[in-house]
PDB file of N, CA and C in Angstrom:
ATOM      1  N   UNK A   1       0.849  -1.173   0.000  1.00  0.00           N
ATOM      2  CA  UNK A   1       0.000   0.000   0.000  1.00  0.00           C
ATOM      3  C   UNK A   1       0.892   1.232   0.000  1.00  0.00           C
ATOM      4  N   UNK A   2       0.321   2.288  -0.509  1.00  0.00           N
ATOM      5  CA  UNK A   2       1.096   3.509  -0.715  1.00  0.00           C
ATOM      6  C   UNK A   2       0.349   4.724  -0.183  1.00  0.00           C
ATOM      7  N   UNK A   3       1.092   5.664   0.393  1.00  0.00           N
ATOM      8  CA  UNK A   3       0.536   6.971   0.710  1.00  0.00           C
ATOM      9  C   UNK A   3       0.503   7.748  -0.610  1.00  0.00           C
ATOM     10  N   UNK A   4      -0.663   8.264  -0.976  1.00  0.00           N
ATOM     11  CA  UNK A   4      -0.780   9.032  -2.218  1.00  0.00           C
ATOM     12  C   UNK A   4      -0.798  10.523  -1.897  1.00  0.00           C
ATOM     13  N   UNK A   5      -0.947  11.335  -2.934  1.00  0.00           N
ATOM     14  CA  UNK A   5      -1.084  12.778  -2.731  1.00  0.00           C
ATOM     15  C   UNK A   5      -2.542  13.218  -2.838  1.00  0.00           C
ATOM     16  N   UNK A   6      -3.468  12.263  -2.796  1.00  0.00           N
ATOM     17  CA  UNK A   6      -4.898  12.557  -2.914  1.00  0.00           C
ATOM     18  C   UNK A   6      -5.456  12.933  -1.544  1.00  0.00           C
ATOM     19  N   UNK A   7      -6.003  14.138  -1.432  1.00  0.00           N
ATOM     20  CA  UNK A   7      -6.568  14.591  -0.160  1.00  0.00           C
ATOM     21  C   UNK A   7      -7.851  13.838   0.166  1.00  0.00           C
ATOM     22  N   UNK A   8      -7.979  13.445   1.438  1.00  0.00           N
ATOM     23  CA  UNK A   8      -9.223  12.874   1.932  1.00  0.00           C
ATOM     24  C   UNK A   8     -10.147  14.011   2.348  1.00  0.00           C
ATOM     25  N   UNK A   9     -11.426  13.761   2.318  1.00  0.00           N
ATOM     26  CA  UNK A   9     -12.389  14.759   2.786  1.00  0.00           C
ATOM     27  C   UNK A   9     -12.332  14.759   4.313  1.00  0.00           C
ATOM     28  N   UNK A  10     -12.031  15.899   4.930  1.00  0.00           N
ATOM     29  CA  UNK A  10     -11.956  15.938   6.387  1.00  0.00           C
ATOM     30  C   UNK A  10     -13.296  15.593   7.037  1.00  0.00           C
ATOM     31  N   UNK A  11     -13.207  14.928   8.182  1.00  0.00           N
ATOM     32  CA  UNK A  11     -14.382  14.602   8.985  1.00  0.00           C
ATOM     33  C   UNK A  11     -14.046  14.975  10.424  1.00  0.00           C
ATOM     34  N   UNK A  12     -14.535  16.133  10.856  1.00  0.00           N
ATOM     35  CA  UNK A  12     -14.198  16.610  12.194  1.00  0.00           C
ATOM     36  C   UNK A  12     -12.689  16.798  12.308  1.00  0.00           C
ATOM     37  N   UNK A  13     -12.068  16.187  13.332  1.00  0.00           N
ATOM     38  CA  UNK A  13     -10.630  16.363  13.521  1.00  0.00           C
ATOM     39  C   UNK A  13      -9.788  15.460  12.624  1.00  0.00           C
ATOM     40  N   UNK A  14     -10.424  14.623  11.827  1.00  0.00           N
ATOM     41  CA  UNK A  14      -9.710  13.649  11.020  1.00  0.00           C
ATOM     42  C   UNK A  14      -9.531  14.123   9.587  1.00  0.00           C
ATOM     43  N   UNK A  15      -8.411  13.759   8.983  1.00  0.00           N
ATOM     44  CA  UNK A  15      -8.113  14.123   7.608  1.00  0.00           C
ATOM     45  C   UNK A  15      -6.801  13.492   7.200  1.00  0.00           C
ATOM     46  N   UNK A  16      -6.290  13.885   6.058  1.00  0.00           N
ATOM     47  CA  UNK A  16      -5.010  13.345   5.610  1.00  0.00           C
ATOM     48  C   UNK A  16      -5.033  13.026   4.133  1.00  0.00           C
ATOM     49  N   UNK A  17      -4.175  12.112   3.728  1.00  0.00           N
ATOM     50  CA  UNK A  17      -4.035  11.695   2.339  1.00  0.00           C
ATOM     51  C   UNK A  17      -4.546  10.259   2.177  1.00  0.00           C
ATOM     52  N   UNK A  18      -5.023   9.953   0.983  1.00  0.00           N
ATOM     53  CA  UNK A  18      -5.547   8.623   0.698  1.00  0.00           C
ATOM     54  C   UNK A  18      -4.418   7.597   0.632  1.00  0.00           C
ATOM     55  N   UNK A  19      -4.644   6.455   1.258  1.00  0.00           N
ATOM     56  CA  UNK A  19      -3.771   5.302   1.133  1.00  0.00           C
ATOM     57  C   UNK A  19      -4.377   4.420   0.046  1.00  0.00           C
ATOM     58  N   UNK A  20      -3.529   3.963  -0.881  1.00  0.00           N
ATOM     59  CA  UNK A  20      -4.023   3.156  -1.998  1.00  0.00           C
ATOM     60  C   UNK A  20      -3.304   1.816  -2.045  1.00  0.00           C
ATOM     61  N   UNK A  21      -4.029   0.822  -2.541  1.00  0.00           N
ATOM     62  CA  UNK A  21      -3.404  -0.463  -2.858  1.00  0.00           C
ATOM     63  C   UNK A  21      -3.249  -0.523  -4.369  1.00  0.00           C
ATOM     64  N   UNK A  22      -2.328  -1.371  -4.838  1.00  0.00           N
ATOM     65  CA  UNK A  22      -2.079  -1.471  -6.269  1.00  0.00           C
ATOM     66  C   UNK A  22      -2.040  -2.932  -6.682  1.00  0.00           C
ATOM     67  N   UNK A  23      -2.677  -3.194  -7.809  1.00  0.00           N
ATOM     68  CA  UNK A  23      -2.598  -4.500  -8.436  1.00  0.00           C
ATOM     69  C   UNK A  23      -2.253  -4.289  -9.902  1.00  0.00           C
ATOM     70  N   UNK A  24      -1.258  -5.016 -10.420  1.00  0.00           N
ATOM     71  CA  UNK A  24      -0.979  -4.925 -11.846  1.00  0.00           C
ATOM     72  C   UNK A  24      -2.041  -5.706 -12.622  1.00  0.00           C
ATOM     73  N   UNK A  25      -2.565  -5.099 -13.655  1.00  0.00           N
ATOM     74  CA  UNK A  25      -3.620  -5.700 -14.472  1.00  0.00           C
ATOM     75  C   UNK A  25      -3.186  -5.603 -15.932  1.00  0.00           C
ATOM     76  N   UNK A  26      -3.458  -6.651 -16.704  1.00  0.00           N
ATOM     77  CA  UNK A  26      -3.202  -6.572 -18.139  1.00  0.00           C
ATOM     78  C   UNK A  26      -3.953  -5.378 -18.694  1.00  0.00           C
ATOM     79  N   UNK A  27      -3.274  -4.567 -19.479  1.00  0.00           N
ATOM     80  CA  UNK A  27      -3.892  -3.352 -20.019  1.00  0.00           C
ATOM     81  C   UNK A  27      -5.205  -3.667 -20.736  1.00  0.00           C
ATOM     82  N   UNK A  28      -5.256  -4.777 -21.433  1.00  0.00           N
ATOM     83  CA  UNK A  28      -6.466  -5.144 -22.180  1.00  0.00           C
ATOM     84  C   UNK A  28      -7.631  -5.515 -21.260  1.00  0.00           C
ATOM     85  N   UNK A  29      -7.342  -5.820 -19.987  1.00  0.00           N
ATOM     86  CA  UNK A  29      -8.376  -6.232 -19.045  1.00  0.00           C
ATOM     87  C   UNK A  29      -8.879  -5.107 -18.130  1.00  0.00           C
ATOM     88  N   UNK A  30      -8.240  -3.941 -18.203  1.00  0.00           N
ATOM     89  CA  UNK A  30      -8.621  -2.832 -17.324  1.00  0.00           C
ATOM     90  C   UNK A  30     -10.099  -2.467 -17.461  1.00  0.00           C
ATOM     91  N   UNK A  31     -10.661  -2.347 -18.664  1.00  0.00           N
ATOM     92  CA  UNK A  31     -12.092  -2.013 -18.756  1.00  0.00           C
ATOM     93  C   UNK A  31     -12.989  -3.049 -18.068  1.00  0.00           C
ATOM     94  N   UNK A  32     -12.625  -4.313 -18.149  1.00  0.00           N
ATOM     95  CA  UNK A  32     -13.409  -5.362 -17.490  1.00  0.00           C
ATOM     96  C   UNK A  32     -13.305  -5.211 -15.976  1.00  0.00           C
ATOM     97  N   UNK A  33     -12.093  -4.980 -15.480  1.00  0.00           N
ATOM     98  CA  UNK A  33     -11.875  -4.800 -14.045  1.00  0.00           C
ATOM     99  C   UNK A  33     -12.680  -3.606 -13.537  1.00  0.00           C
ATOM    100  N   UNK A  34     -12.655  -2.509 -14.280  1.00  0.00           N
ATOM    101  CA  UNK A  34     -13.418  -1.325 -13.864  1.00  0.00           C
ATOM    102  C   UNK A  34     -14.916  -1.621 -13.832  1.00  0.00           C
ATOM    103  N   UNK A  35     -15.412  -2.283 -14.838  1.00  0.00           N
ATOM    104  CA  UNK A  35     -16.846  -2.587 -14.908  1.00  0.00           C
ATOM    105  C   UNK A  35     -17.280  -3.517 -13.772  1.00  0.00           C
ATOM    106  N   UNK A  36     -16.491  -4.568 -13.535  1.00  0.00           N
ATOM    107  CA  UNK A  36     -16.841  -5.532 -12.488  1.00  0.00           C
ATOM    108  C   UNK A  36     -16.757  -4.911 -11.105  1.00  0.00           C
ATOM    109  N   UNK A  37     -15.662  -4.219 -10.814  1.00  0.00           N
ATOM    110  CA  UNK A  37     -15.480  -3.664  -9.471  1.00  0.00           C
ATOM    111  C   UNK A  37     -16.412  -2.485  -9.191  1.00  0.00           C
ATOM    112  N   UNK A  38     -16.888  -1.829 -10.231  1.00  0.00           N
ATOM    113  CA  UNK A  38     -17.838  -0.727 -10.063  1.00  0.00           C
ATOM    114  C   UNK A  38     -19.139  -1.209  -9.426  1.00  0.00           C
ATOM    115  N   UNK A  39     -19.429  -2.488  -9.561  1.00  0.00           N
ATOM    116  CA  UNK A  39     -20.643  -3.078  -8.984  1.00  0.00           C
ATOM    117  C   UNK A  39     -20.541  -3.273  -7.468  1.00  0.00           C
ATOM    118  N   UNK A  40     -19.359  -3.054  -6.891  1.00  0.00           N
ATOM    119  CA  UNK A  40     -19.135  -3.313  -5.470  1.00  0.00           C
ATOM    120  C   UNK A  40     -18.559  -2.086  -4.759  1.00  0.00           C
ATOM    121  N   UNK A  41     -19.334  -0.999  -4.683  1.00  0.00           N
ATOM    122  CA  UNK A  41     -18.801   0.232  -4.074  1.00  0.00           C
ATOM    123  C   UNK A  41     -18.490   0.103  -2.582  1.00  0.00           C
ATOM    124  N   UNK A  42     -19.086  -0.871  -1.897  1.00  0.00           N
ATOM    125  CA  UNK A  42     -18.807  -1.038  -0.468  1.00  0.00           C
ATOM    126  C   UNK A  42     -17.623  -1.969  -0.210  1.00  0.00           C
ATOM    127  N   UNK A  43     -17.054  -2.524  -1.266  1.00  0.00           N
ATOM    128  CA  UNK A  43     -15.889  -3.403  -1.152  1.00  0.00           C
ATOM    129  C   UNK A  43     -14.788  -2.853  -2.056  1.00  0.00           C
ATOM    130  N   UNK A  44     -14.337  -1.661  -1.785  1.00  0.00           N
ATOM    131  CA  UNK A  44     -13.303  -0.918  -2.512  1.00  0.00           C
ATOM    132  C   UNK A  44     -13.802  -0.317  -3.822  1.00  0.00           C
ATOM    133  N   UNK A  45     -14.789  -0.919  -4.495  1.00  0.00           N
ATOM    134  CA  UNK A  45     -15.340  -0.337  -5.712  1.00  0.00           C
ATOM    135  C   UNK A  45     -14.363  -0.307  -6.863  1.00  0.00           C
ATOM    136  N   UNK A  46     -14.627   0.605  -7.802  1.00  0.00           N
ATOM    137  CA  UNK A  46     -13.773   0.700  -8.989  1.00  0.00           C
ATOM    138  C   UNK A  46     -12.455   1.390  -8.634  1.00  0.00           C
ATOM    139  N   UNK A  47     -11.438   1.206  -9.449  1.00  0.00           N
ATOM    140  CA  UNK A  47     -10.146   1.840  -9.174  1.00  0.00           C
ATOM    141  C   UNK A  47     -10.268   3.373  -9.119  1.00  0.00           C
ATOM    142  N   UNK A  48      -9.427   3.983  -8.305  1.00  0.00           N
ATOM    143  CA  UNK A  48      -9.404   5.441  -8.231  1.00  0.00           C
ATOM    144  C   UNK A  48      -8.388   6.020  -9.210  1.00  0.00           C
ATOM    145  N   UNK A  49      -7.487   5.148  -9.718  1.00  0.00           N
ATOM    146  CA  UNK A  49      -6.484   5.604 -10.692  1.00  0.00           C
ATOM    147  C   UNK A  49      -5.922   4.412 -11.458  1.00  0.00           C
ATOM    148  N   UNK A  50      -5.696   4.619 -12.744  1.00  0.00           N
ATOM    149  CA  UNK A  50      -5.076   3.606 -13.603  1.00  0.00           C
ATOM    150  C   UNK A  50      -3.902   4.250 -14.322  1.00  0.00           C
ATOM    151  N   UNK A  51      -2.758   3.570 -14.298  1.00  0.00           N
ATOM    152  CA  UNK A  51      -1.616   4.060 -15.065  1.00  0.00           C
ATOM    153  C   UNK A  51      -0.573   4.775 -14.239  1.00  0.00           C
ATOM    154  N   UNK A  52      -0.082   5.887 -14.756  1.00  0.00           N
ATOM    155  CA  UNK A  52       1.051   6.626 -14.222  1.00  0.00           C
ATOM    156  C   UNK A  52       0.948   6.888 -12.711  1.00  0.00           C
ATOM    157  N   UNK A  53       1.725   6.161 -11.903  1.00  0.00           N
ATOM    158  CA  UNK A  53       1.676   6.350 -10.451  1.00  0.00           C
ATOM    159  C   UNK A  53       2.100   7.746  -9.999  1.00  0.00           C
ATOM    160  N   UNK A  54       2.963   8.390 -10.795  1.00  0.00           N
ATOM    161  CA  UNK A  54       3.442   9.722 -10.397  1.00  0.00           C
ATOM    162  C   UNK A  54       2.307  10.737 -10.349  1.00  0.00           C
ATOM    163  N   UNK A  55       1.234  10.493 -11.095  1.00  0.00           N
ATOM    164  CA  UNK A  55       0.083  11.404 -11.084  1.00  0.00           C
ATOM    165  C   UNK A  55      -0.600  11.440  -9.727  1.00  0.00           C
ATOM    166  N   UNK A  56      -0.400  10.396  -8.907  1.00  0.00           N
ATOM    167  CA  UNK A  56      -0.997  10.386  -7.563  1.00  0.00           C
ATOM    168  C   UNK A  56       0.092  10.375  -6.482  1.00  0.00           C
ATOM    169  N   UNK A  57       1.287  10.854  -6.854  1.00  0.00           N
ATOM    170  CA  UNK A  57       2.347  11.060  -5.871  1.00  0.00           C
ATOM    171  C   UNK A  57       3.192   9.838  -5.549  1.00  0.00           C
ATOM    172  N   UNK A  58       3.179   8.823  -6.421  1.00  0.00           N
ATOM    173  CA  UNK A  58       3.956   7.615  -6.174  1.00  0.00           C
ATOM    174  C   UNK A  58       5.067   7.534  -7.219  1.00  0.00           C
ATOM    175  N   UNK A  59       6.286   7.752  -6.782  1.00  0.00           N
ATOM    176  CA  UNK A  59       7.432   7.748  -7.697  1.00  0.00           C
ATOM    177  C   UNK A  59       7.747   6.311  -8.125  1.00  0.00           C
ATOM    178  N   UNK A  60       8.497   6.146  -9.232  1.00  0.00           N
ATOM    179  CA  UNK A  60       8.900   4.798  -9.639  1.00  0.00           C
ATOM    180  C   UNK A  60       9.646   4.044  -8.527  1.00  0.00           C
ATOM    181  N   UNK A  61      10.511   4.770  -7.784  1.00  0.00           N
ATOM    182  CA  UNK A  61      11.236   4.139  -6.680  1.00  0.00           C
ATOM    183  C   UNK A  61      10.271   3.689  -5.580  1.00  0.00           C
ATOM    184  N   UNK A  62       9.308   4.553  -5.257  1.00  0.00           N
ATOM    185  CA  UNK A  62       8.336   4.227  -4.217  1.00  0.00           C
ATOM    186  C   UNK A  62       7.438   3.064  -4.646  1.00  0.00           C
ATOM    187  N   UNK A  63       7.162   2.971  -5.954  1.00  0.00           N
ATOM    188  CA  UNK A  63       6.330   1.872  -6.454  1.00  0.00           C
ATOM    189  C   UNK A  63       6.985   0.523  -6.127  1.00  0.00           C
ATOM    190  N   UNK A  64       8.314   0.493  -6.148  1.00  0.00           N
ATOM    191  CA  UNK A  64       9.045  -0.736  -5.827  1.00  0.00           C
ATOM    192  C   UNK A  64       9.243  -0.935  -4.319  1.00  0.00           C
ATOM    193  N   UNK A  65       8.970   0.099  -3.544  1.00  0.00           N
ATOM    194  CA  UNK A  65       9.152   0.061  -2.084  1.00  0.00           C
ATOM    195  C   UNK A  65       7.933   0.671  -1.410  1.00  0.00           C
ATOM    196  N   UNK A  66       6.833  -0.080  -1.321  1.00  0.00           N
ATOM    197  CA  UNK A  66       5.594   0.474  -0.760  1.00  0.00           C
ATOM    198  C   UNK A  66       5.768   0.990   0.672  1.00  0.00           C
ATOM    199  N   UNK A  67       4.878   1.901   1.041  1.00  0.00           N
ATOM    200  CA  UNK A  67       4.889   2.418   2.412  1.00  0.00           C
ATOM    201  C   UNK A  67       4.448   1.342   3.408  1.00  0.00           C
ATOM    202  N   UNK A  68       3.624   0.409   2.948  1.00  0.00           N
ATOM    203  CA  UNK A  68       3.096  -0.670   3.798  1.00  0.00           C
ATOM    204  C   UNK A  68       3.066  -1.959   2.980  1.00  0.00           C
ATOM    205  N   UNK A  69       3.532  -3.056   3.544  1.00  0.00           N
ATOM    206  CA  UNK A  69       3.457  -4.344   2.861  1.00  0.00           C
ATOM    207  C   UNK A  69       4.575  -4.569   1.861  1.00  0.00           C
ATOM    208  N   UNK A  70       4.370  -5.578   1.024  1.00  0.00           N
ATOM    209  CA  UNK A  70       5.384  -6.005   0.065  1.00  0.00           C
ATOM    210  C   UNK A  70       5.129  -5.411  -1.311  1.00  0.00           C
ATOM    211  N   UNK A  71       6.206  -5.298  -2.089  1.00  0.00           N
ATOM    212  CA  UNK A  71       6.062  -4.793  -3.456  1.00  0.00           C
ATOM    213  C   UNK A  71       5.492  -5.892  -4.349  1.00  0.00           C
ATOM    214  N   UNK A  72       4.901  -5.468  -5.453  1.00  0.00           N
ATOM    215  CA  UNK A  72       4.322  -6.378  -6.434  1.00  0.00           C
ATOM    216  C   UNK A  72       4.976  -6.065  -7.774  1.00  0.00           C
ATOM    217  N   UNK A  73       5.456  -7.078  -8.449  1.00  0.00           N
ATOM    218  CA  UNK A  73       6.114  -6.879  -9.734  1.00  0.00           C
ATOM    219  C   UNK A  73       5.074  -6.613 -10.823  1.00  0.00           C
ATOM    220  N   UNK A  74       5.397  -5.684 -11.714  1.00  0.00           N
ATOM    221  CA  UNK A  74       4.531  -5.363 -12.848  1.00  0.00           C
ATOM    222  C   UNK A  74       5.172  -5.961 -14.094  1.00  0.00           C
ATOM    223  N   UNK A  75       4.486  -6.911 -14.706  1.00  0.00           N
ATOM    224  CA  UNK A  75       5.022  -7.613 -15.878  1.00  0.00           C
ATOM    225  C   UNK A  75       4.738  -6.820 -17.154  1.00  0.00           C
ATOM    226  N   UNK A  76       5.400  -7.206 -18.225  1.00  0.00           N
ATOM    227  CA  UNK A  76       5.158  -6.590 -19.526  1.00  0.00           C
ATOM    228  C   UNK A  76       3.680  -6.744 -19.886  1.00  0.00           C
ATOM    229  N   UNK A  77       3.095  -5.668 -20.386  1.00  0.00           N
ATOM    230  CA  UNK A  77       1.692  -5.687 -20.778  1.00  0.00           C
ATOM    231  C   UNK A  77       0.729  -5.343 -19.658  1.00  0.00           C
ATOM    232  N   UNK A  78       1.249  -5.220 -18.438  1.00  0.00           N
ATOM    233  CA  UNK A  78       0.413  -4.857 -17.295  1.00  0.00           C
ATOM    234  C   UNK A  78       0.567  -3.377 -16.975  1.00  0.00           C
ATOM    235  N   UNK A  79      -0.466  -2.820 -16.356  1.00  0.00           N
ATOM    236  CA  UNK A  79      -0.419  -1.440 -15.881  1.00  0.00           C
ATOM    237  C   UNK A  79      -0.783  -1.431 -14.398  1.00  0.00           C
ATOM    238  N   UNK A  80      -0.249  -0.481 -13.638  1.00  0.00           N
ATOM    239  CA  UNK A  80      -0.635  -0.394 -12.226  1.00  0.00           C
ATOM    240  C   UNK A  80      -2.046   0.175 -12.100  1.00  0.00           C
ATOM    241  N   UNK A  81      -2.857  -0.489 -11.293  1.00  0.00           N
ATOM    242  CA  UNK A  81      -4.234  -0.074 -11.047  1.00  0.00           C
ATOM    243  C   UNK A  81      -4.372   0.115  -9.539  1.00  0.00           C
ATOM    244  N   UNK A  82      -4.892   1.272  -9.129  1.00  0.00           N
ATOM    245  CA  UNK A  82      -4.927   1.654  -7.719  1.00  0.00           C
ATOM    246  C   UNK A  82      -6.355   1.761  -7.196  1.00  0.00           C
ATOM    247  N   UNK A  83      -6.562   1.239  -5.980  1.00  0.00           N
ATOM    248  CA  UNK A  83      -7.837   1.328  -5.287  1.00  0.00           C
ATOM    249  C   UNK A  83      -7.651   2.042  -3.952  1.00  0.00           C
ATOM    250  N   UNK A  84      -8.685   2.725  -3.504  1.00  0.00           N
ATOM    251  CA  UNK A  84      -8.681   3.280  -2.152  1.00  0.00           C
ATOM    252  C   UNK A  84      -8.580   2.107  -1.184  1.00  0.00           C
ATOM    253  N   UNK A  85      -7.897   2.322  -0.072  1.00  0.00           N
ATOM    254  CA  UNK A  85      -7.588   1.219   0.828  1.00  0.00           C
ATOM    255  C   UNK A  85      -7.979   1.546   2.264  1.00  0.00           C
ATOM    256  N   UNK A  86      -8.329   0.520   3.012  1.00  0.00           N
ATOM    257  CA  UNK A  86      -8.683   0.684   4.420  1.00  0.00           C
ATOM    258  C   UNK A  86      -7.537   1.181   5.273  1.00  0.00           C
ATOM    259  N   UNK A  87      -6.322   1.203   4.730  1.00  0.00           N
ATOM    260  CA  UNK A  87      -5.180   1.741   5.459  1.00  0.00           C
ATOM    261  C   UNK A  87      -5.342   3.213   5.761  1.00  0.00           C
ATOM    262  N   UNK A  88      -6.357   3.837   5.143  1.00  0.00           N
ATOM    263  CA  UNK A  88      -6.608   5.256   5.390  1.00  0.00           C
ATOM    264  C   UNK A  88      -6.927   5.540   6.841  1.00  0.00           C
ATOM    265  N   UNK A  89      -7.458   4.558   7.550  1.00  0.00           N
ATOM    266  CA  UNK A  89      -7.796   4.815   8.945  1.00  0.00           C
ATOM    267  C   UNK A  89      -6.562   5.242   9.723  1.00  0.00           C
ATOM    268  N   UNK A  90      -5.413   4.664   9.396  1.00  0.00           N
ATOM    269  CA  UNK A  90      -4.167   5.088  10.039  1.00  0.00           C
ATOM    270  C   UNK A  90      -3.814   6.510   9.665  1.00  0.00           C
ATOM    271  N   UNK A  91      -4.039   6.858   8.394  1.00  0.00           N
ATOM    272  CA  UNK A  91      -3.764   8.233   7.963  1.00  0.00           C
ATOM    273  C   UNK A  91      -4.690   9.208   8.676  1.00  0.00           C
ATOM    274  N   UNK A  92      -5.969   8.840   8.790  1.00  0.00           N
ATOM    275  CA  UNK A  92      -6.915   9.695   9.502  1.00  0.00           C
ATOM    276  C   UNK A  92      -6.467   9.870  10.946  1.00  0.00           C
ATOM    277  N   UNK A  93      -6.131   8.774  11.602  1.00  0.00           N
ATOM    278  CA  UNK A  93      -5.761   8.838  13.015  1.00  0.00           C
ATOM    279  C   UNK A  93      -4.498   9.651  13.233  1.00  0.00           C
ATOM    280  N   UNK A  94      -3.507   9.474  12.361  1.00  0.00           N
ATOM    281  CA  UNK A  94      -2.256  10.192  12.574  1.00  0.00           C
ATOM    282  C   UNK A  94      -2.402  11.680  12.290  1.00  0.00           C
ATOM    283  N   UNK A  95      -3.412  12.053  11.489  1.00  0.00           N
ATOM    284  CA  UNK A  95      -3.617  13.461  11.170  1.00  0.00           C
ATOM    285  C   UNK A  95      -4.629  14.131  12.102  1.00  0.00           C
ATOM    286  N   UNK A  96      -5.204  13.361  13.025  1.00  0.00           N
ATOM    287  CA  UNK A  96      -6.249  13.898  13.897  1.00  0.00           C
ATOM    288  C   UNK A  96      -5.688  14.940  14.842  1.00  0.00           C
ATOM    289  N   UNK A  97      -6.491  15.963  15.070  1.00  0.00           N
ATOM    290  CA  UNK A  97      -6.124  16.951  16.081  1.00  0.00           C
ATOM    291  C   UNK A  97      -6.619  16.443  17.431  1.00  0.00           C
ATOM    292  N   UNK A  98      -6.110  17.014  18.471  1.00  0.00           N
ATOM    293  CA  UNK A  98      -6.501  16.603  19.816  1.00  0.00           C
ATOM    294  C   UNK A  98      -7.919  17.075  20.115  1.00  0.00           C
ATOM    295  N   UNK A  99      -8.721  16.172  20.667  1.00  0.00           N
ATOM    296  CA  UNK A  99     -10.081  16.506  21.086  1.00  0.00           C
ATOM    297  C   UNK A  99     -10.054  16.667  22.602  1.00  0.00           C
ATOM    298  N   UNK A 100     -10.452  17.840  23.120  1.00  0.00           N
ATOM    299  CA  UNK A 100     -10.427  18.047  24.570  1.00  0.00           C
ATOM    300  C   UNK A 100     -11.261  17.013  25.313  1.00  0.00           C
ATOM    301  N   UNK A 101     -10.764  16.561  26.460  1.00  0.00           N
ATOM    302  CA  UNK A 101     -11.501  15.596  27.277  1.00  0.00           C
ATOM    303  C   UNK A 101     -12.851  16.202  27.648  1.00  0.00           C
ATOM    304  N   UNK A 102     -13.890  15.400  27.536  1.00  0.00           N
ATOM    305  CA  UNK A 102     -15.225  15.858  27.868  1.00  0.00           C
ATOM    306  C   UNK A 102     -16.005  16.410  26.677  1.00  0.00           C
ATOM    307  N   UNK A 103     -15.312  16.692  25.574  1.00  0.00           N
ATOM    308  CA  UNK A 103     -16.018  17.187  24.404  1.00  0.00           C
ATOM    309  C   UNK A 103     -16.723  16.018  23.727  1.00  0.00           C
ATOM    310  N   UNK A 104     -17.982  16.187  23.464  1.00  0.00           N
ATOM    311  CA  UNK A 104     -18.770  15.124  22.865  1.00  0.00           C
ATOM    312  C   UNK A 104     -18.578  15.111  21.350  1.00  0.00           C
ATOM    313  N   UNK A 105     -18.346  13.925  20.818  1.00  0.00           N
ATOM    314  CA  UNK A 105     -18.236  13.766  19.378  1.00  0.00           C
ATOM    315  C   UNK A 105     -19.587  13.309  18.869  1.00  0.00           C
ATOM    316  N   UNK A 106     -20.164  14.076  17.947  1.00  0.00           N
ATOM    317  CA  UNK A 106     -21.480  13.725  17.412  1.00  0.00           C
ATOM    318  C   UNK A 106     -21.299  12.989  16.093  1.00  0.00           C
ATOM    319  N   UNK A 107     -21.952  11.843  16.003  1.00  0.00           N
ATOM    320  CA  UNK A 107     -21.862  11.024  14.786  1.00  0.00           C
ATOM    321  C   UNK A 107     -23.173  11.096  14.009  1.00  0.00           C
TER     322      UNK A 107
END
């Protein structure tokens, strides 16, 4: 998983940058992957980015050395495909401001 440069929508004291996962997909299969995963918005949904990782703040060096977990090799004919990831909760938590004791959080 990678820290991207995509801003998350702040929620109260929480905010930060989107954490993304990446899977290499055959370029010819990307439209199928997008169509299938679009049907499951509550389970990561469709990719948030396809192709050039630098467009979302992931350098070629960083692509080989993820911020979290192991790297995945991209074979000839494959392109990197990125999804929003549950790792964002860590980004939200680390970016949270201090909430005074006794202050009620309304959900």
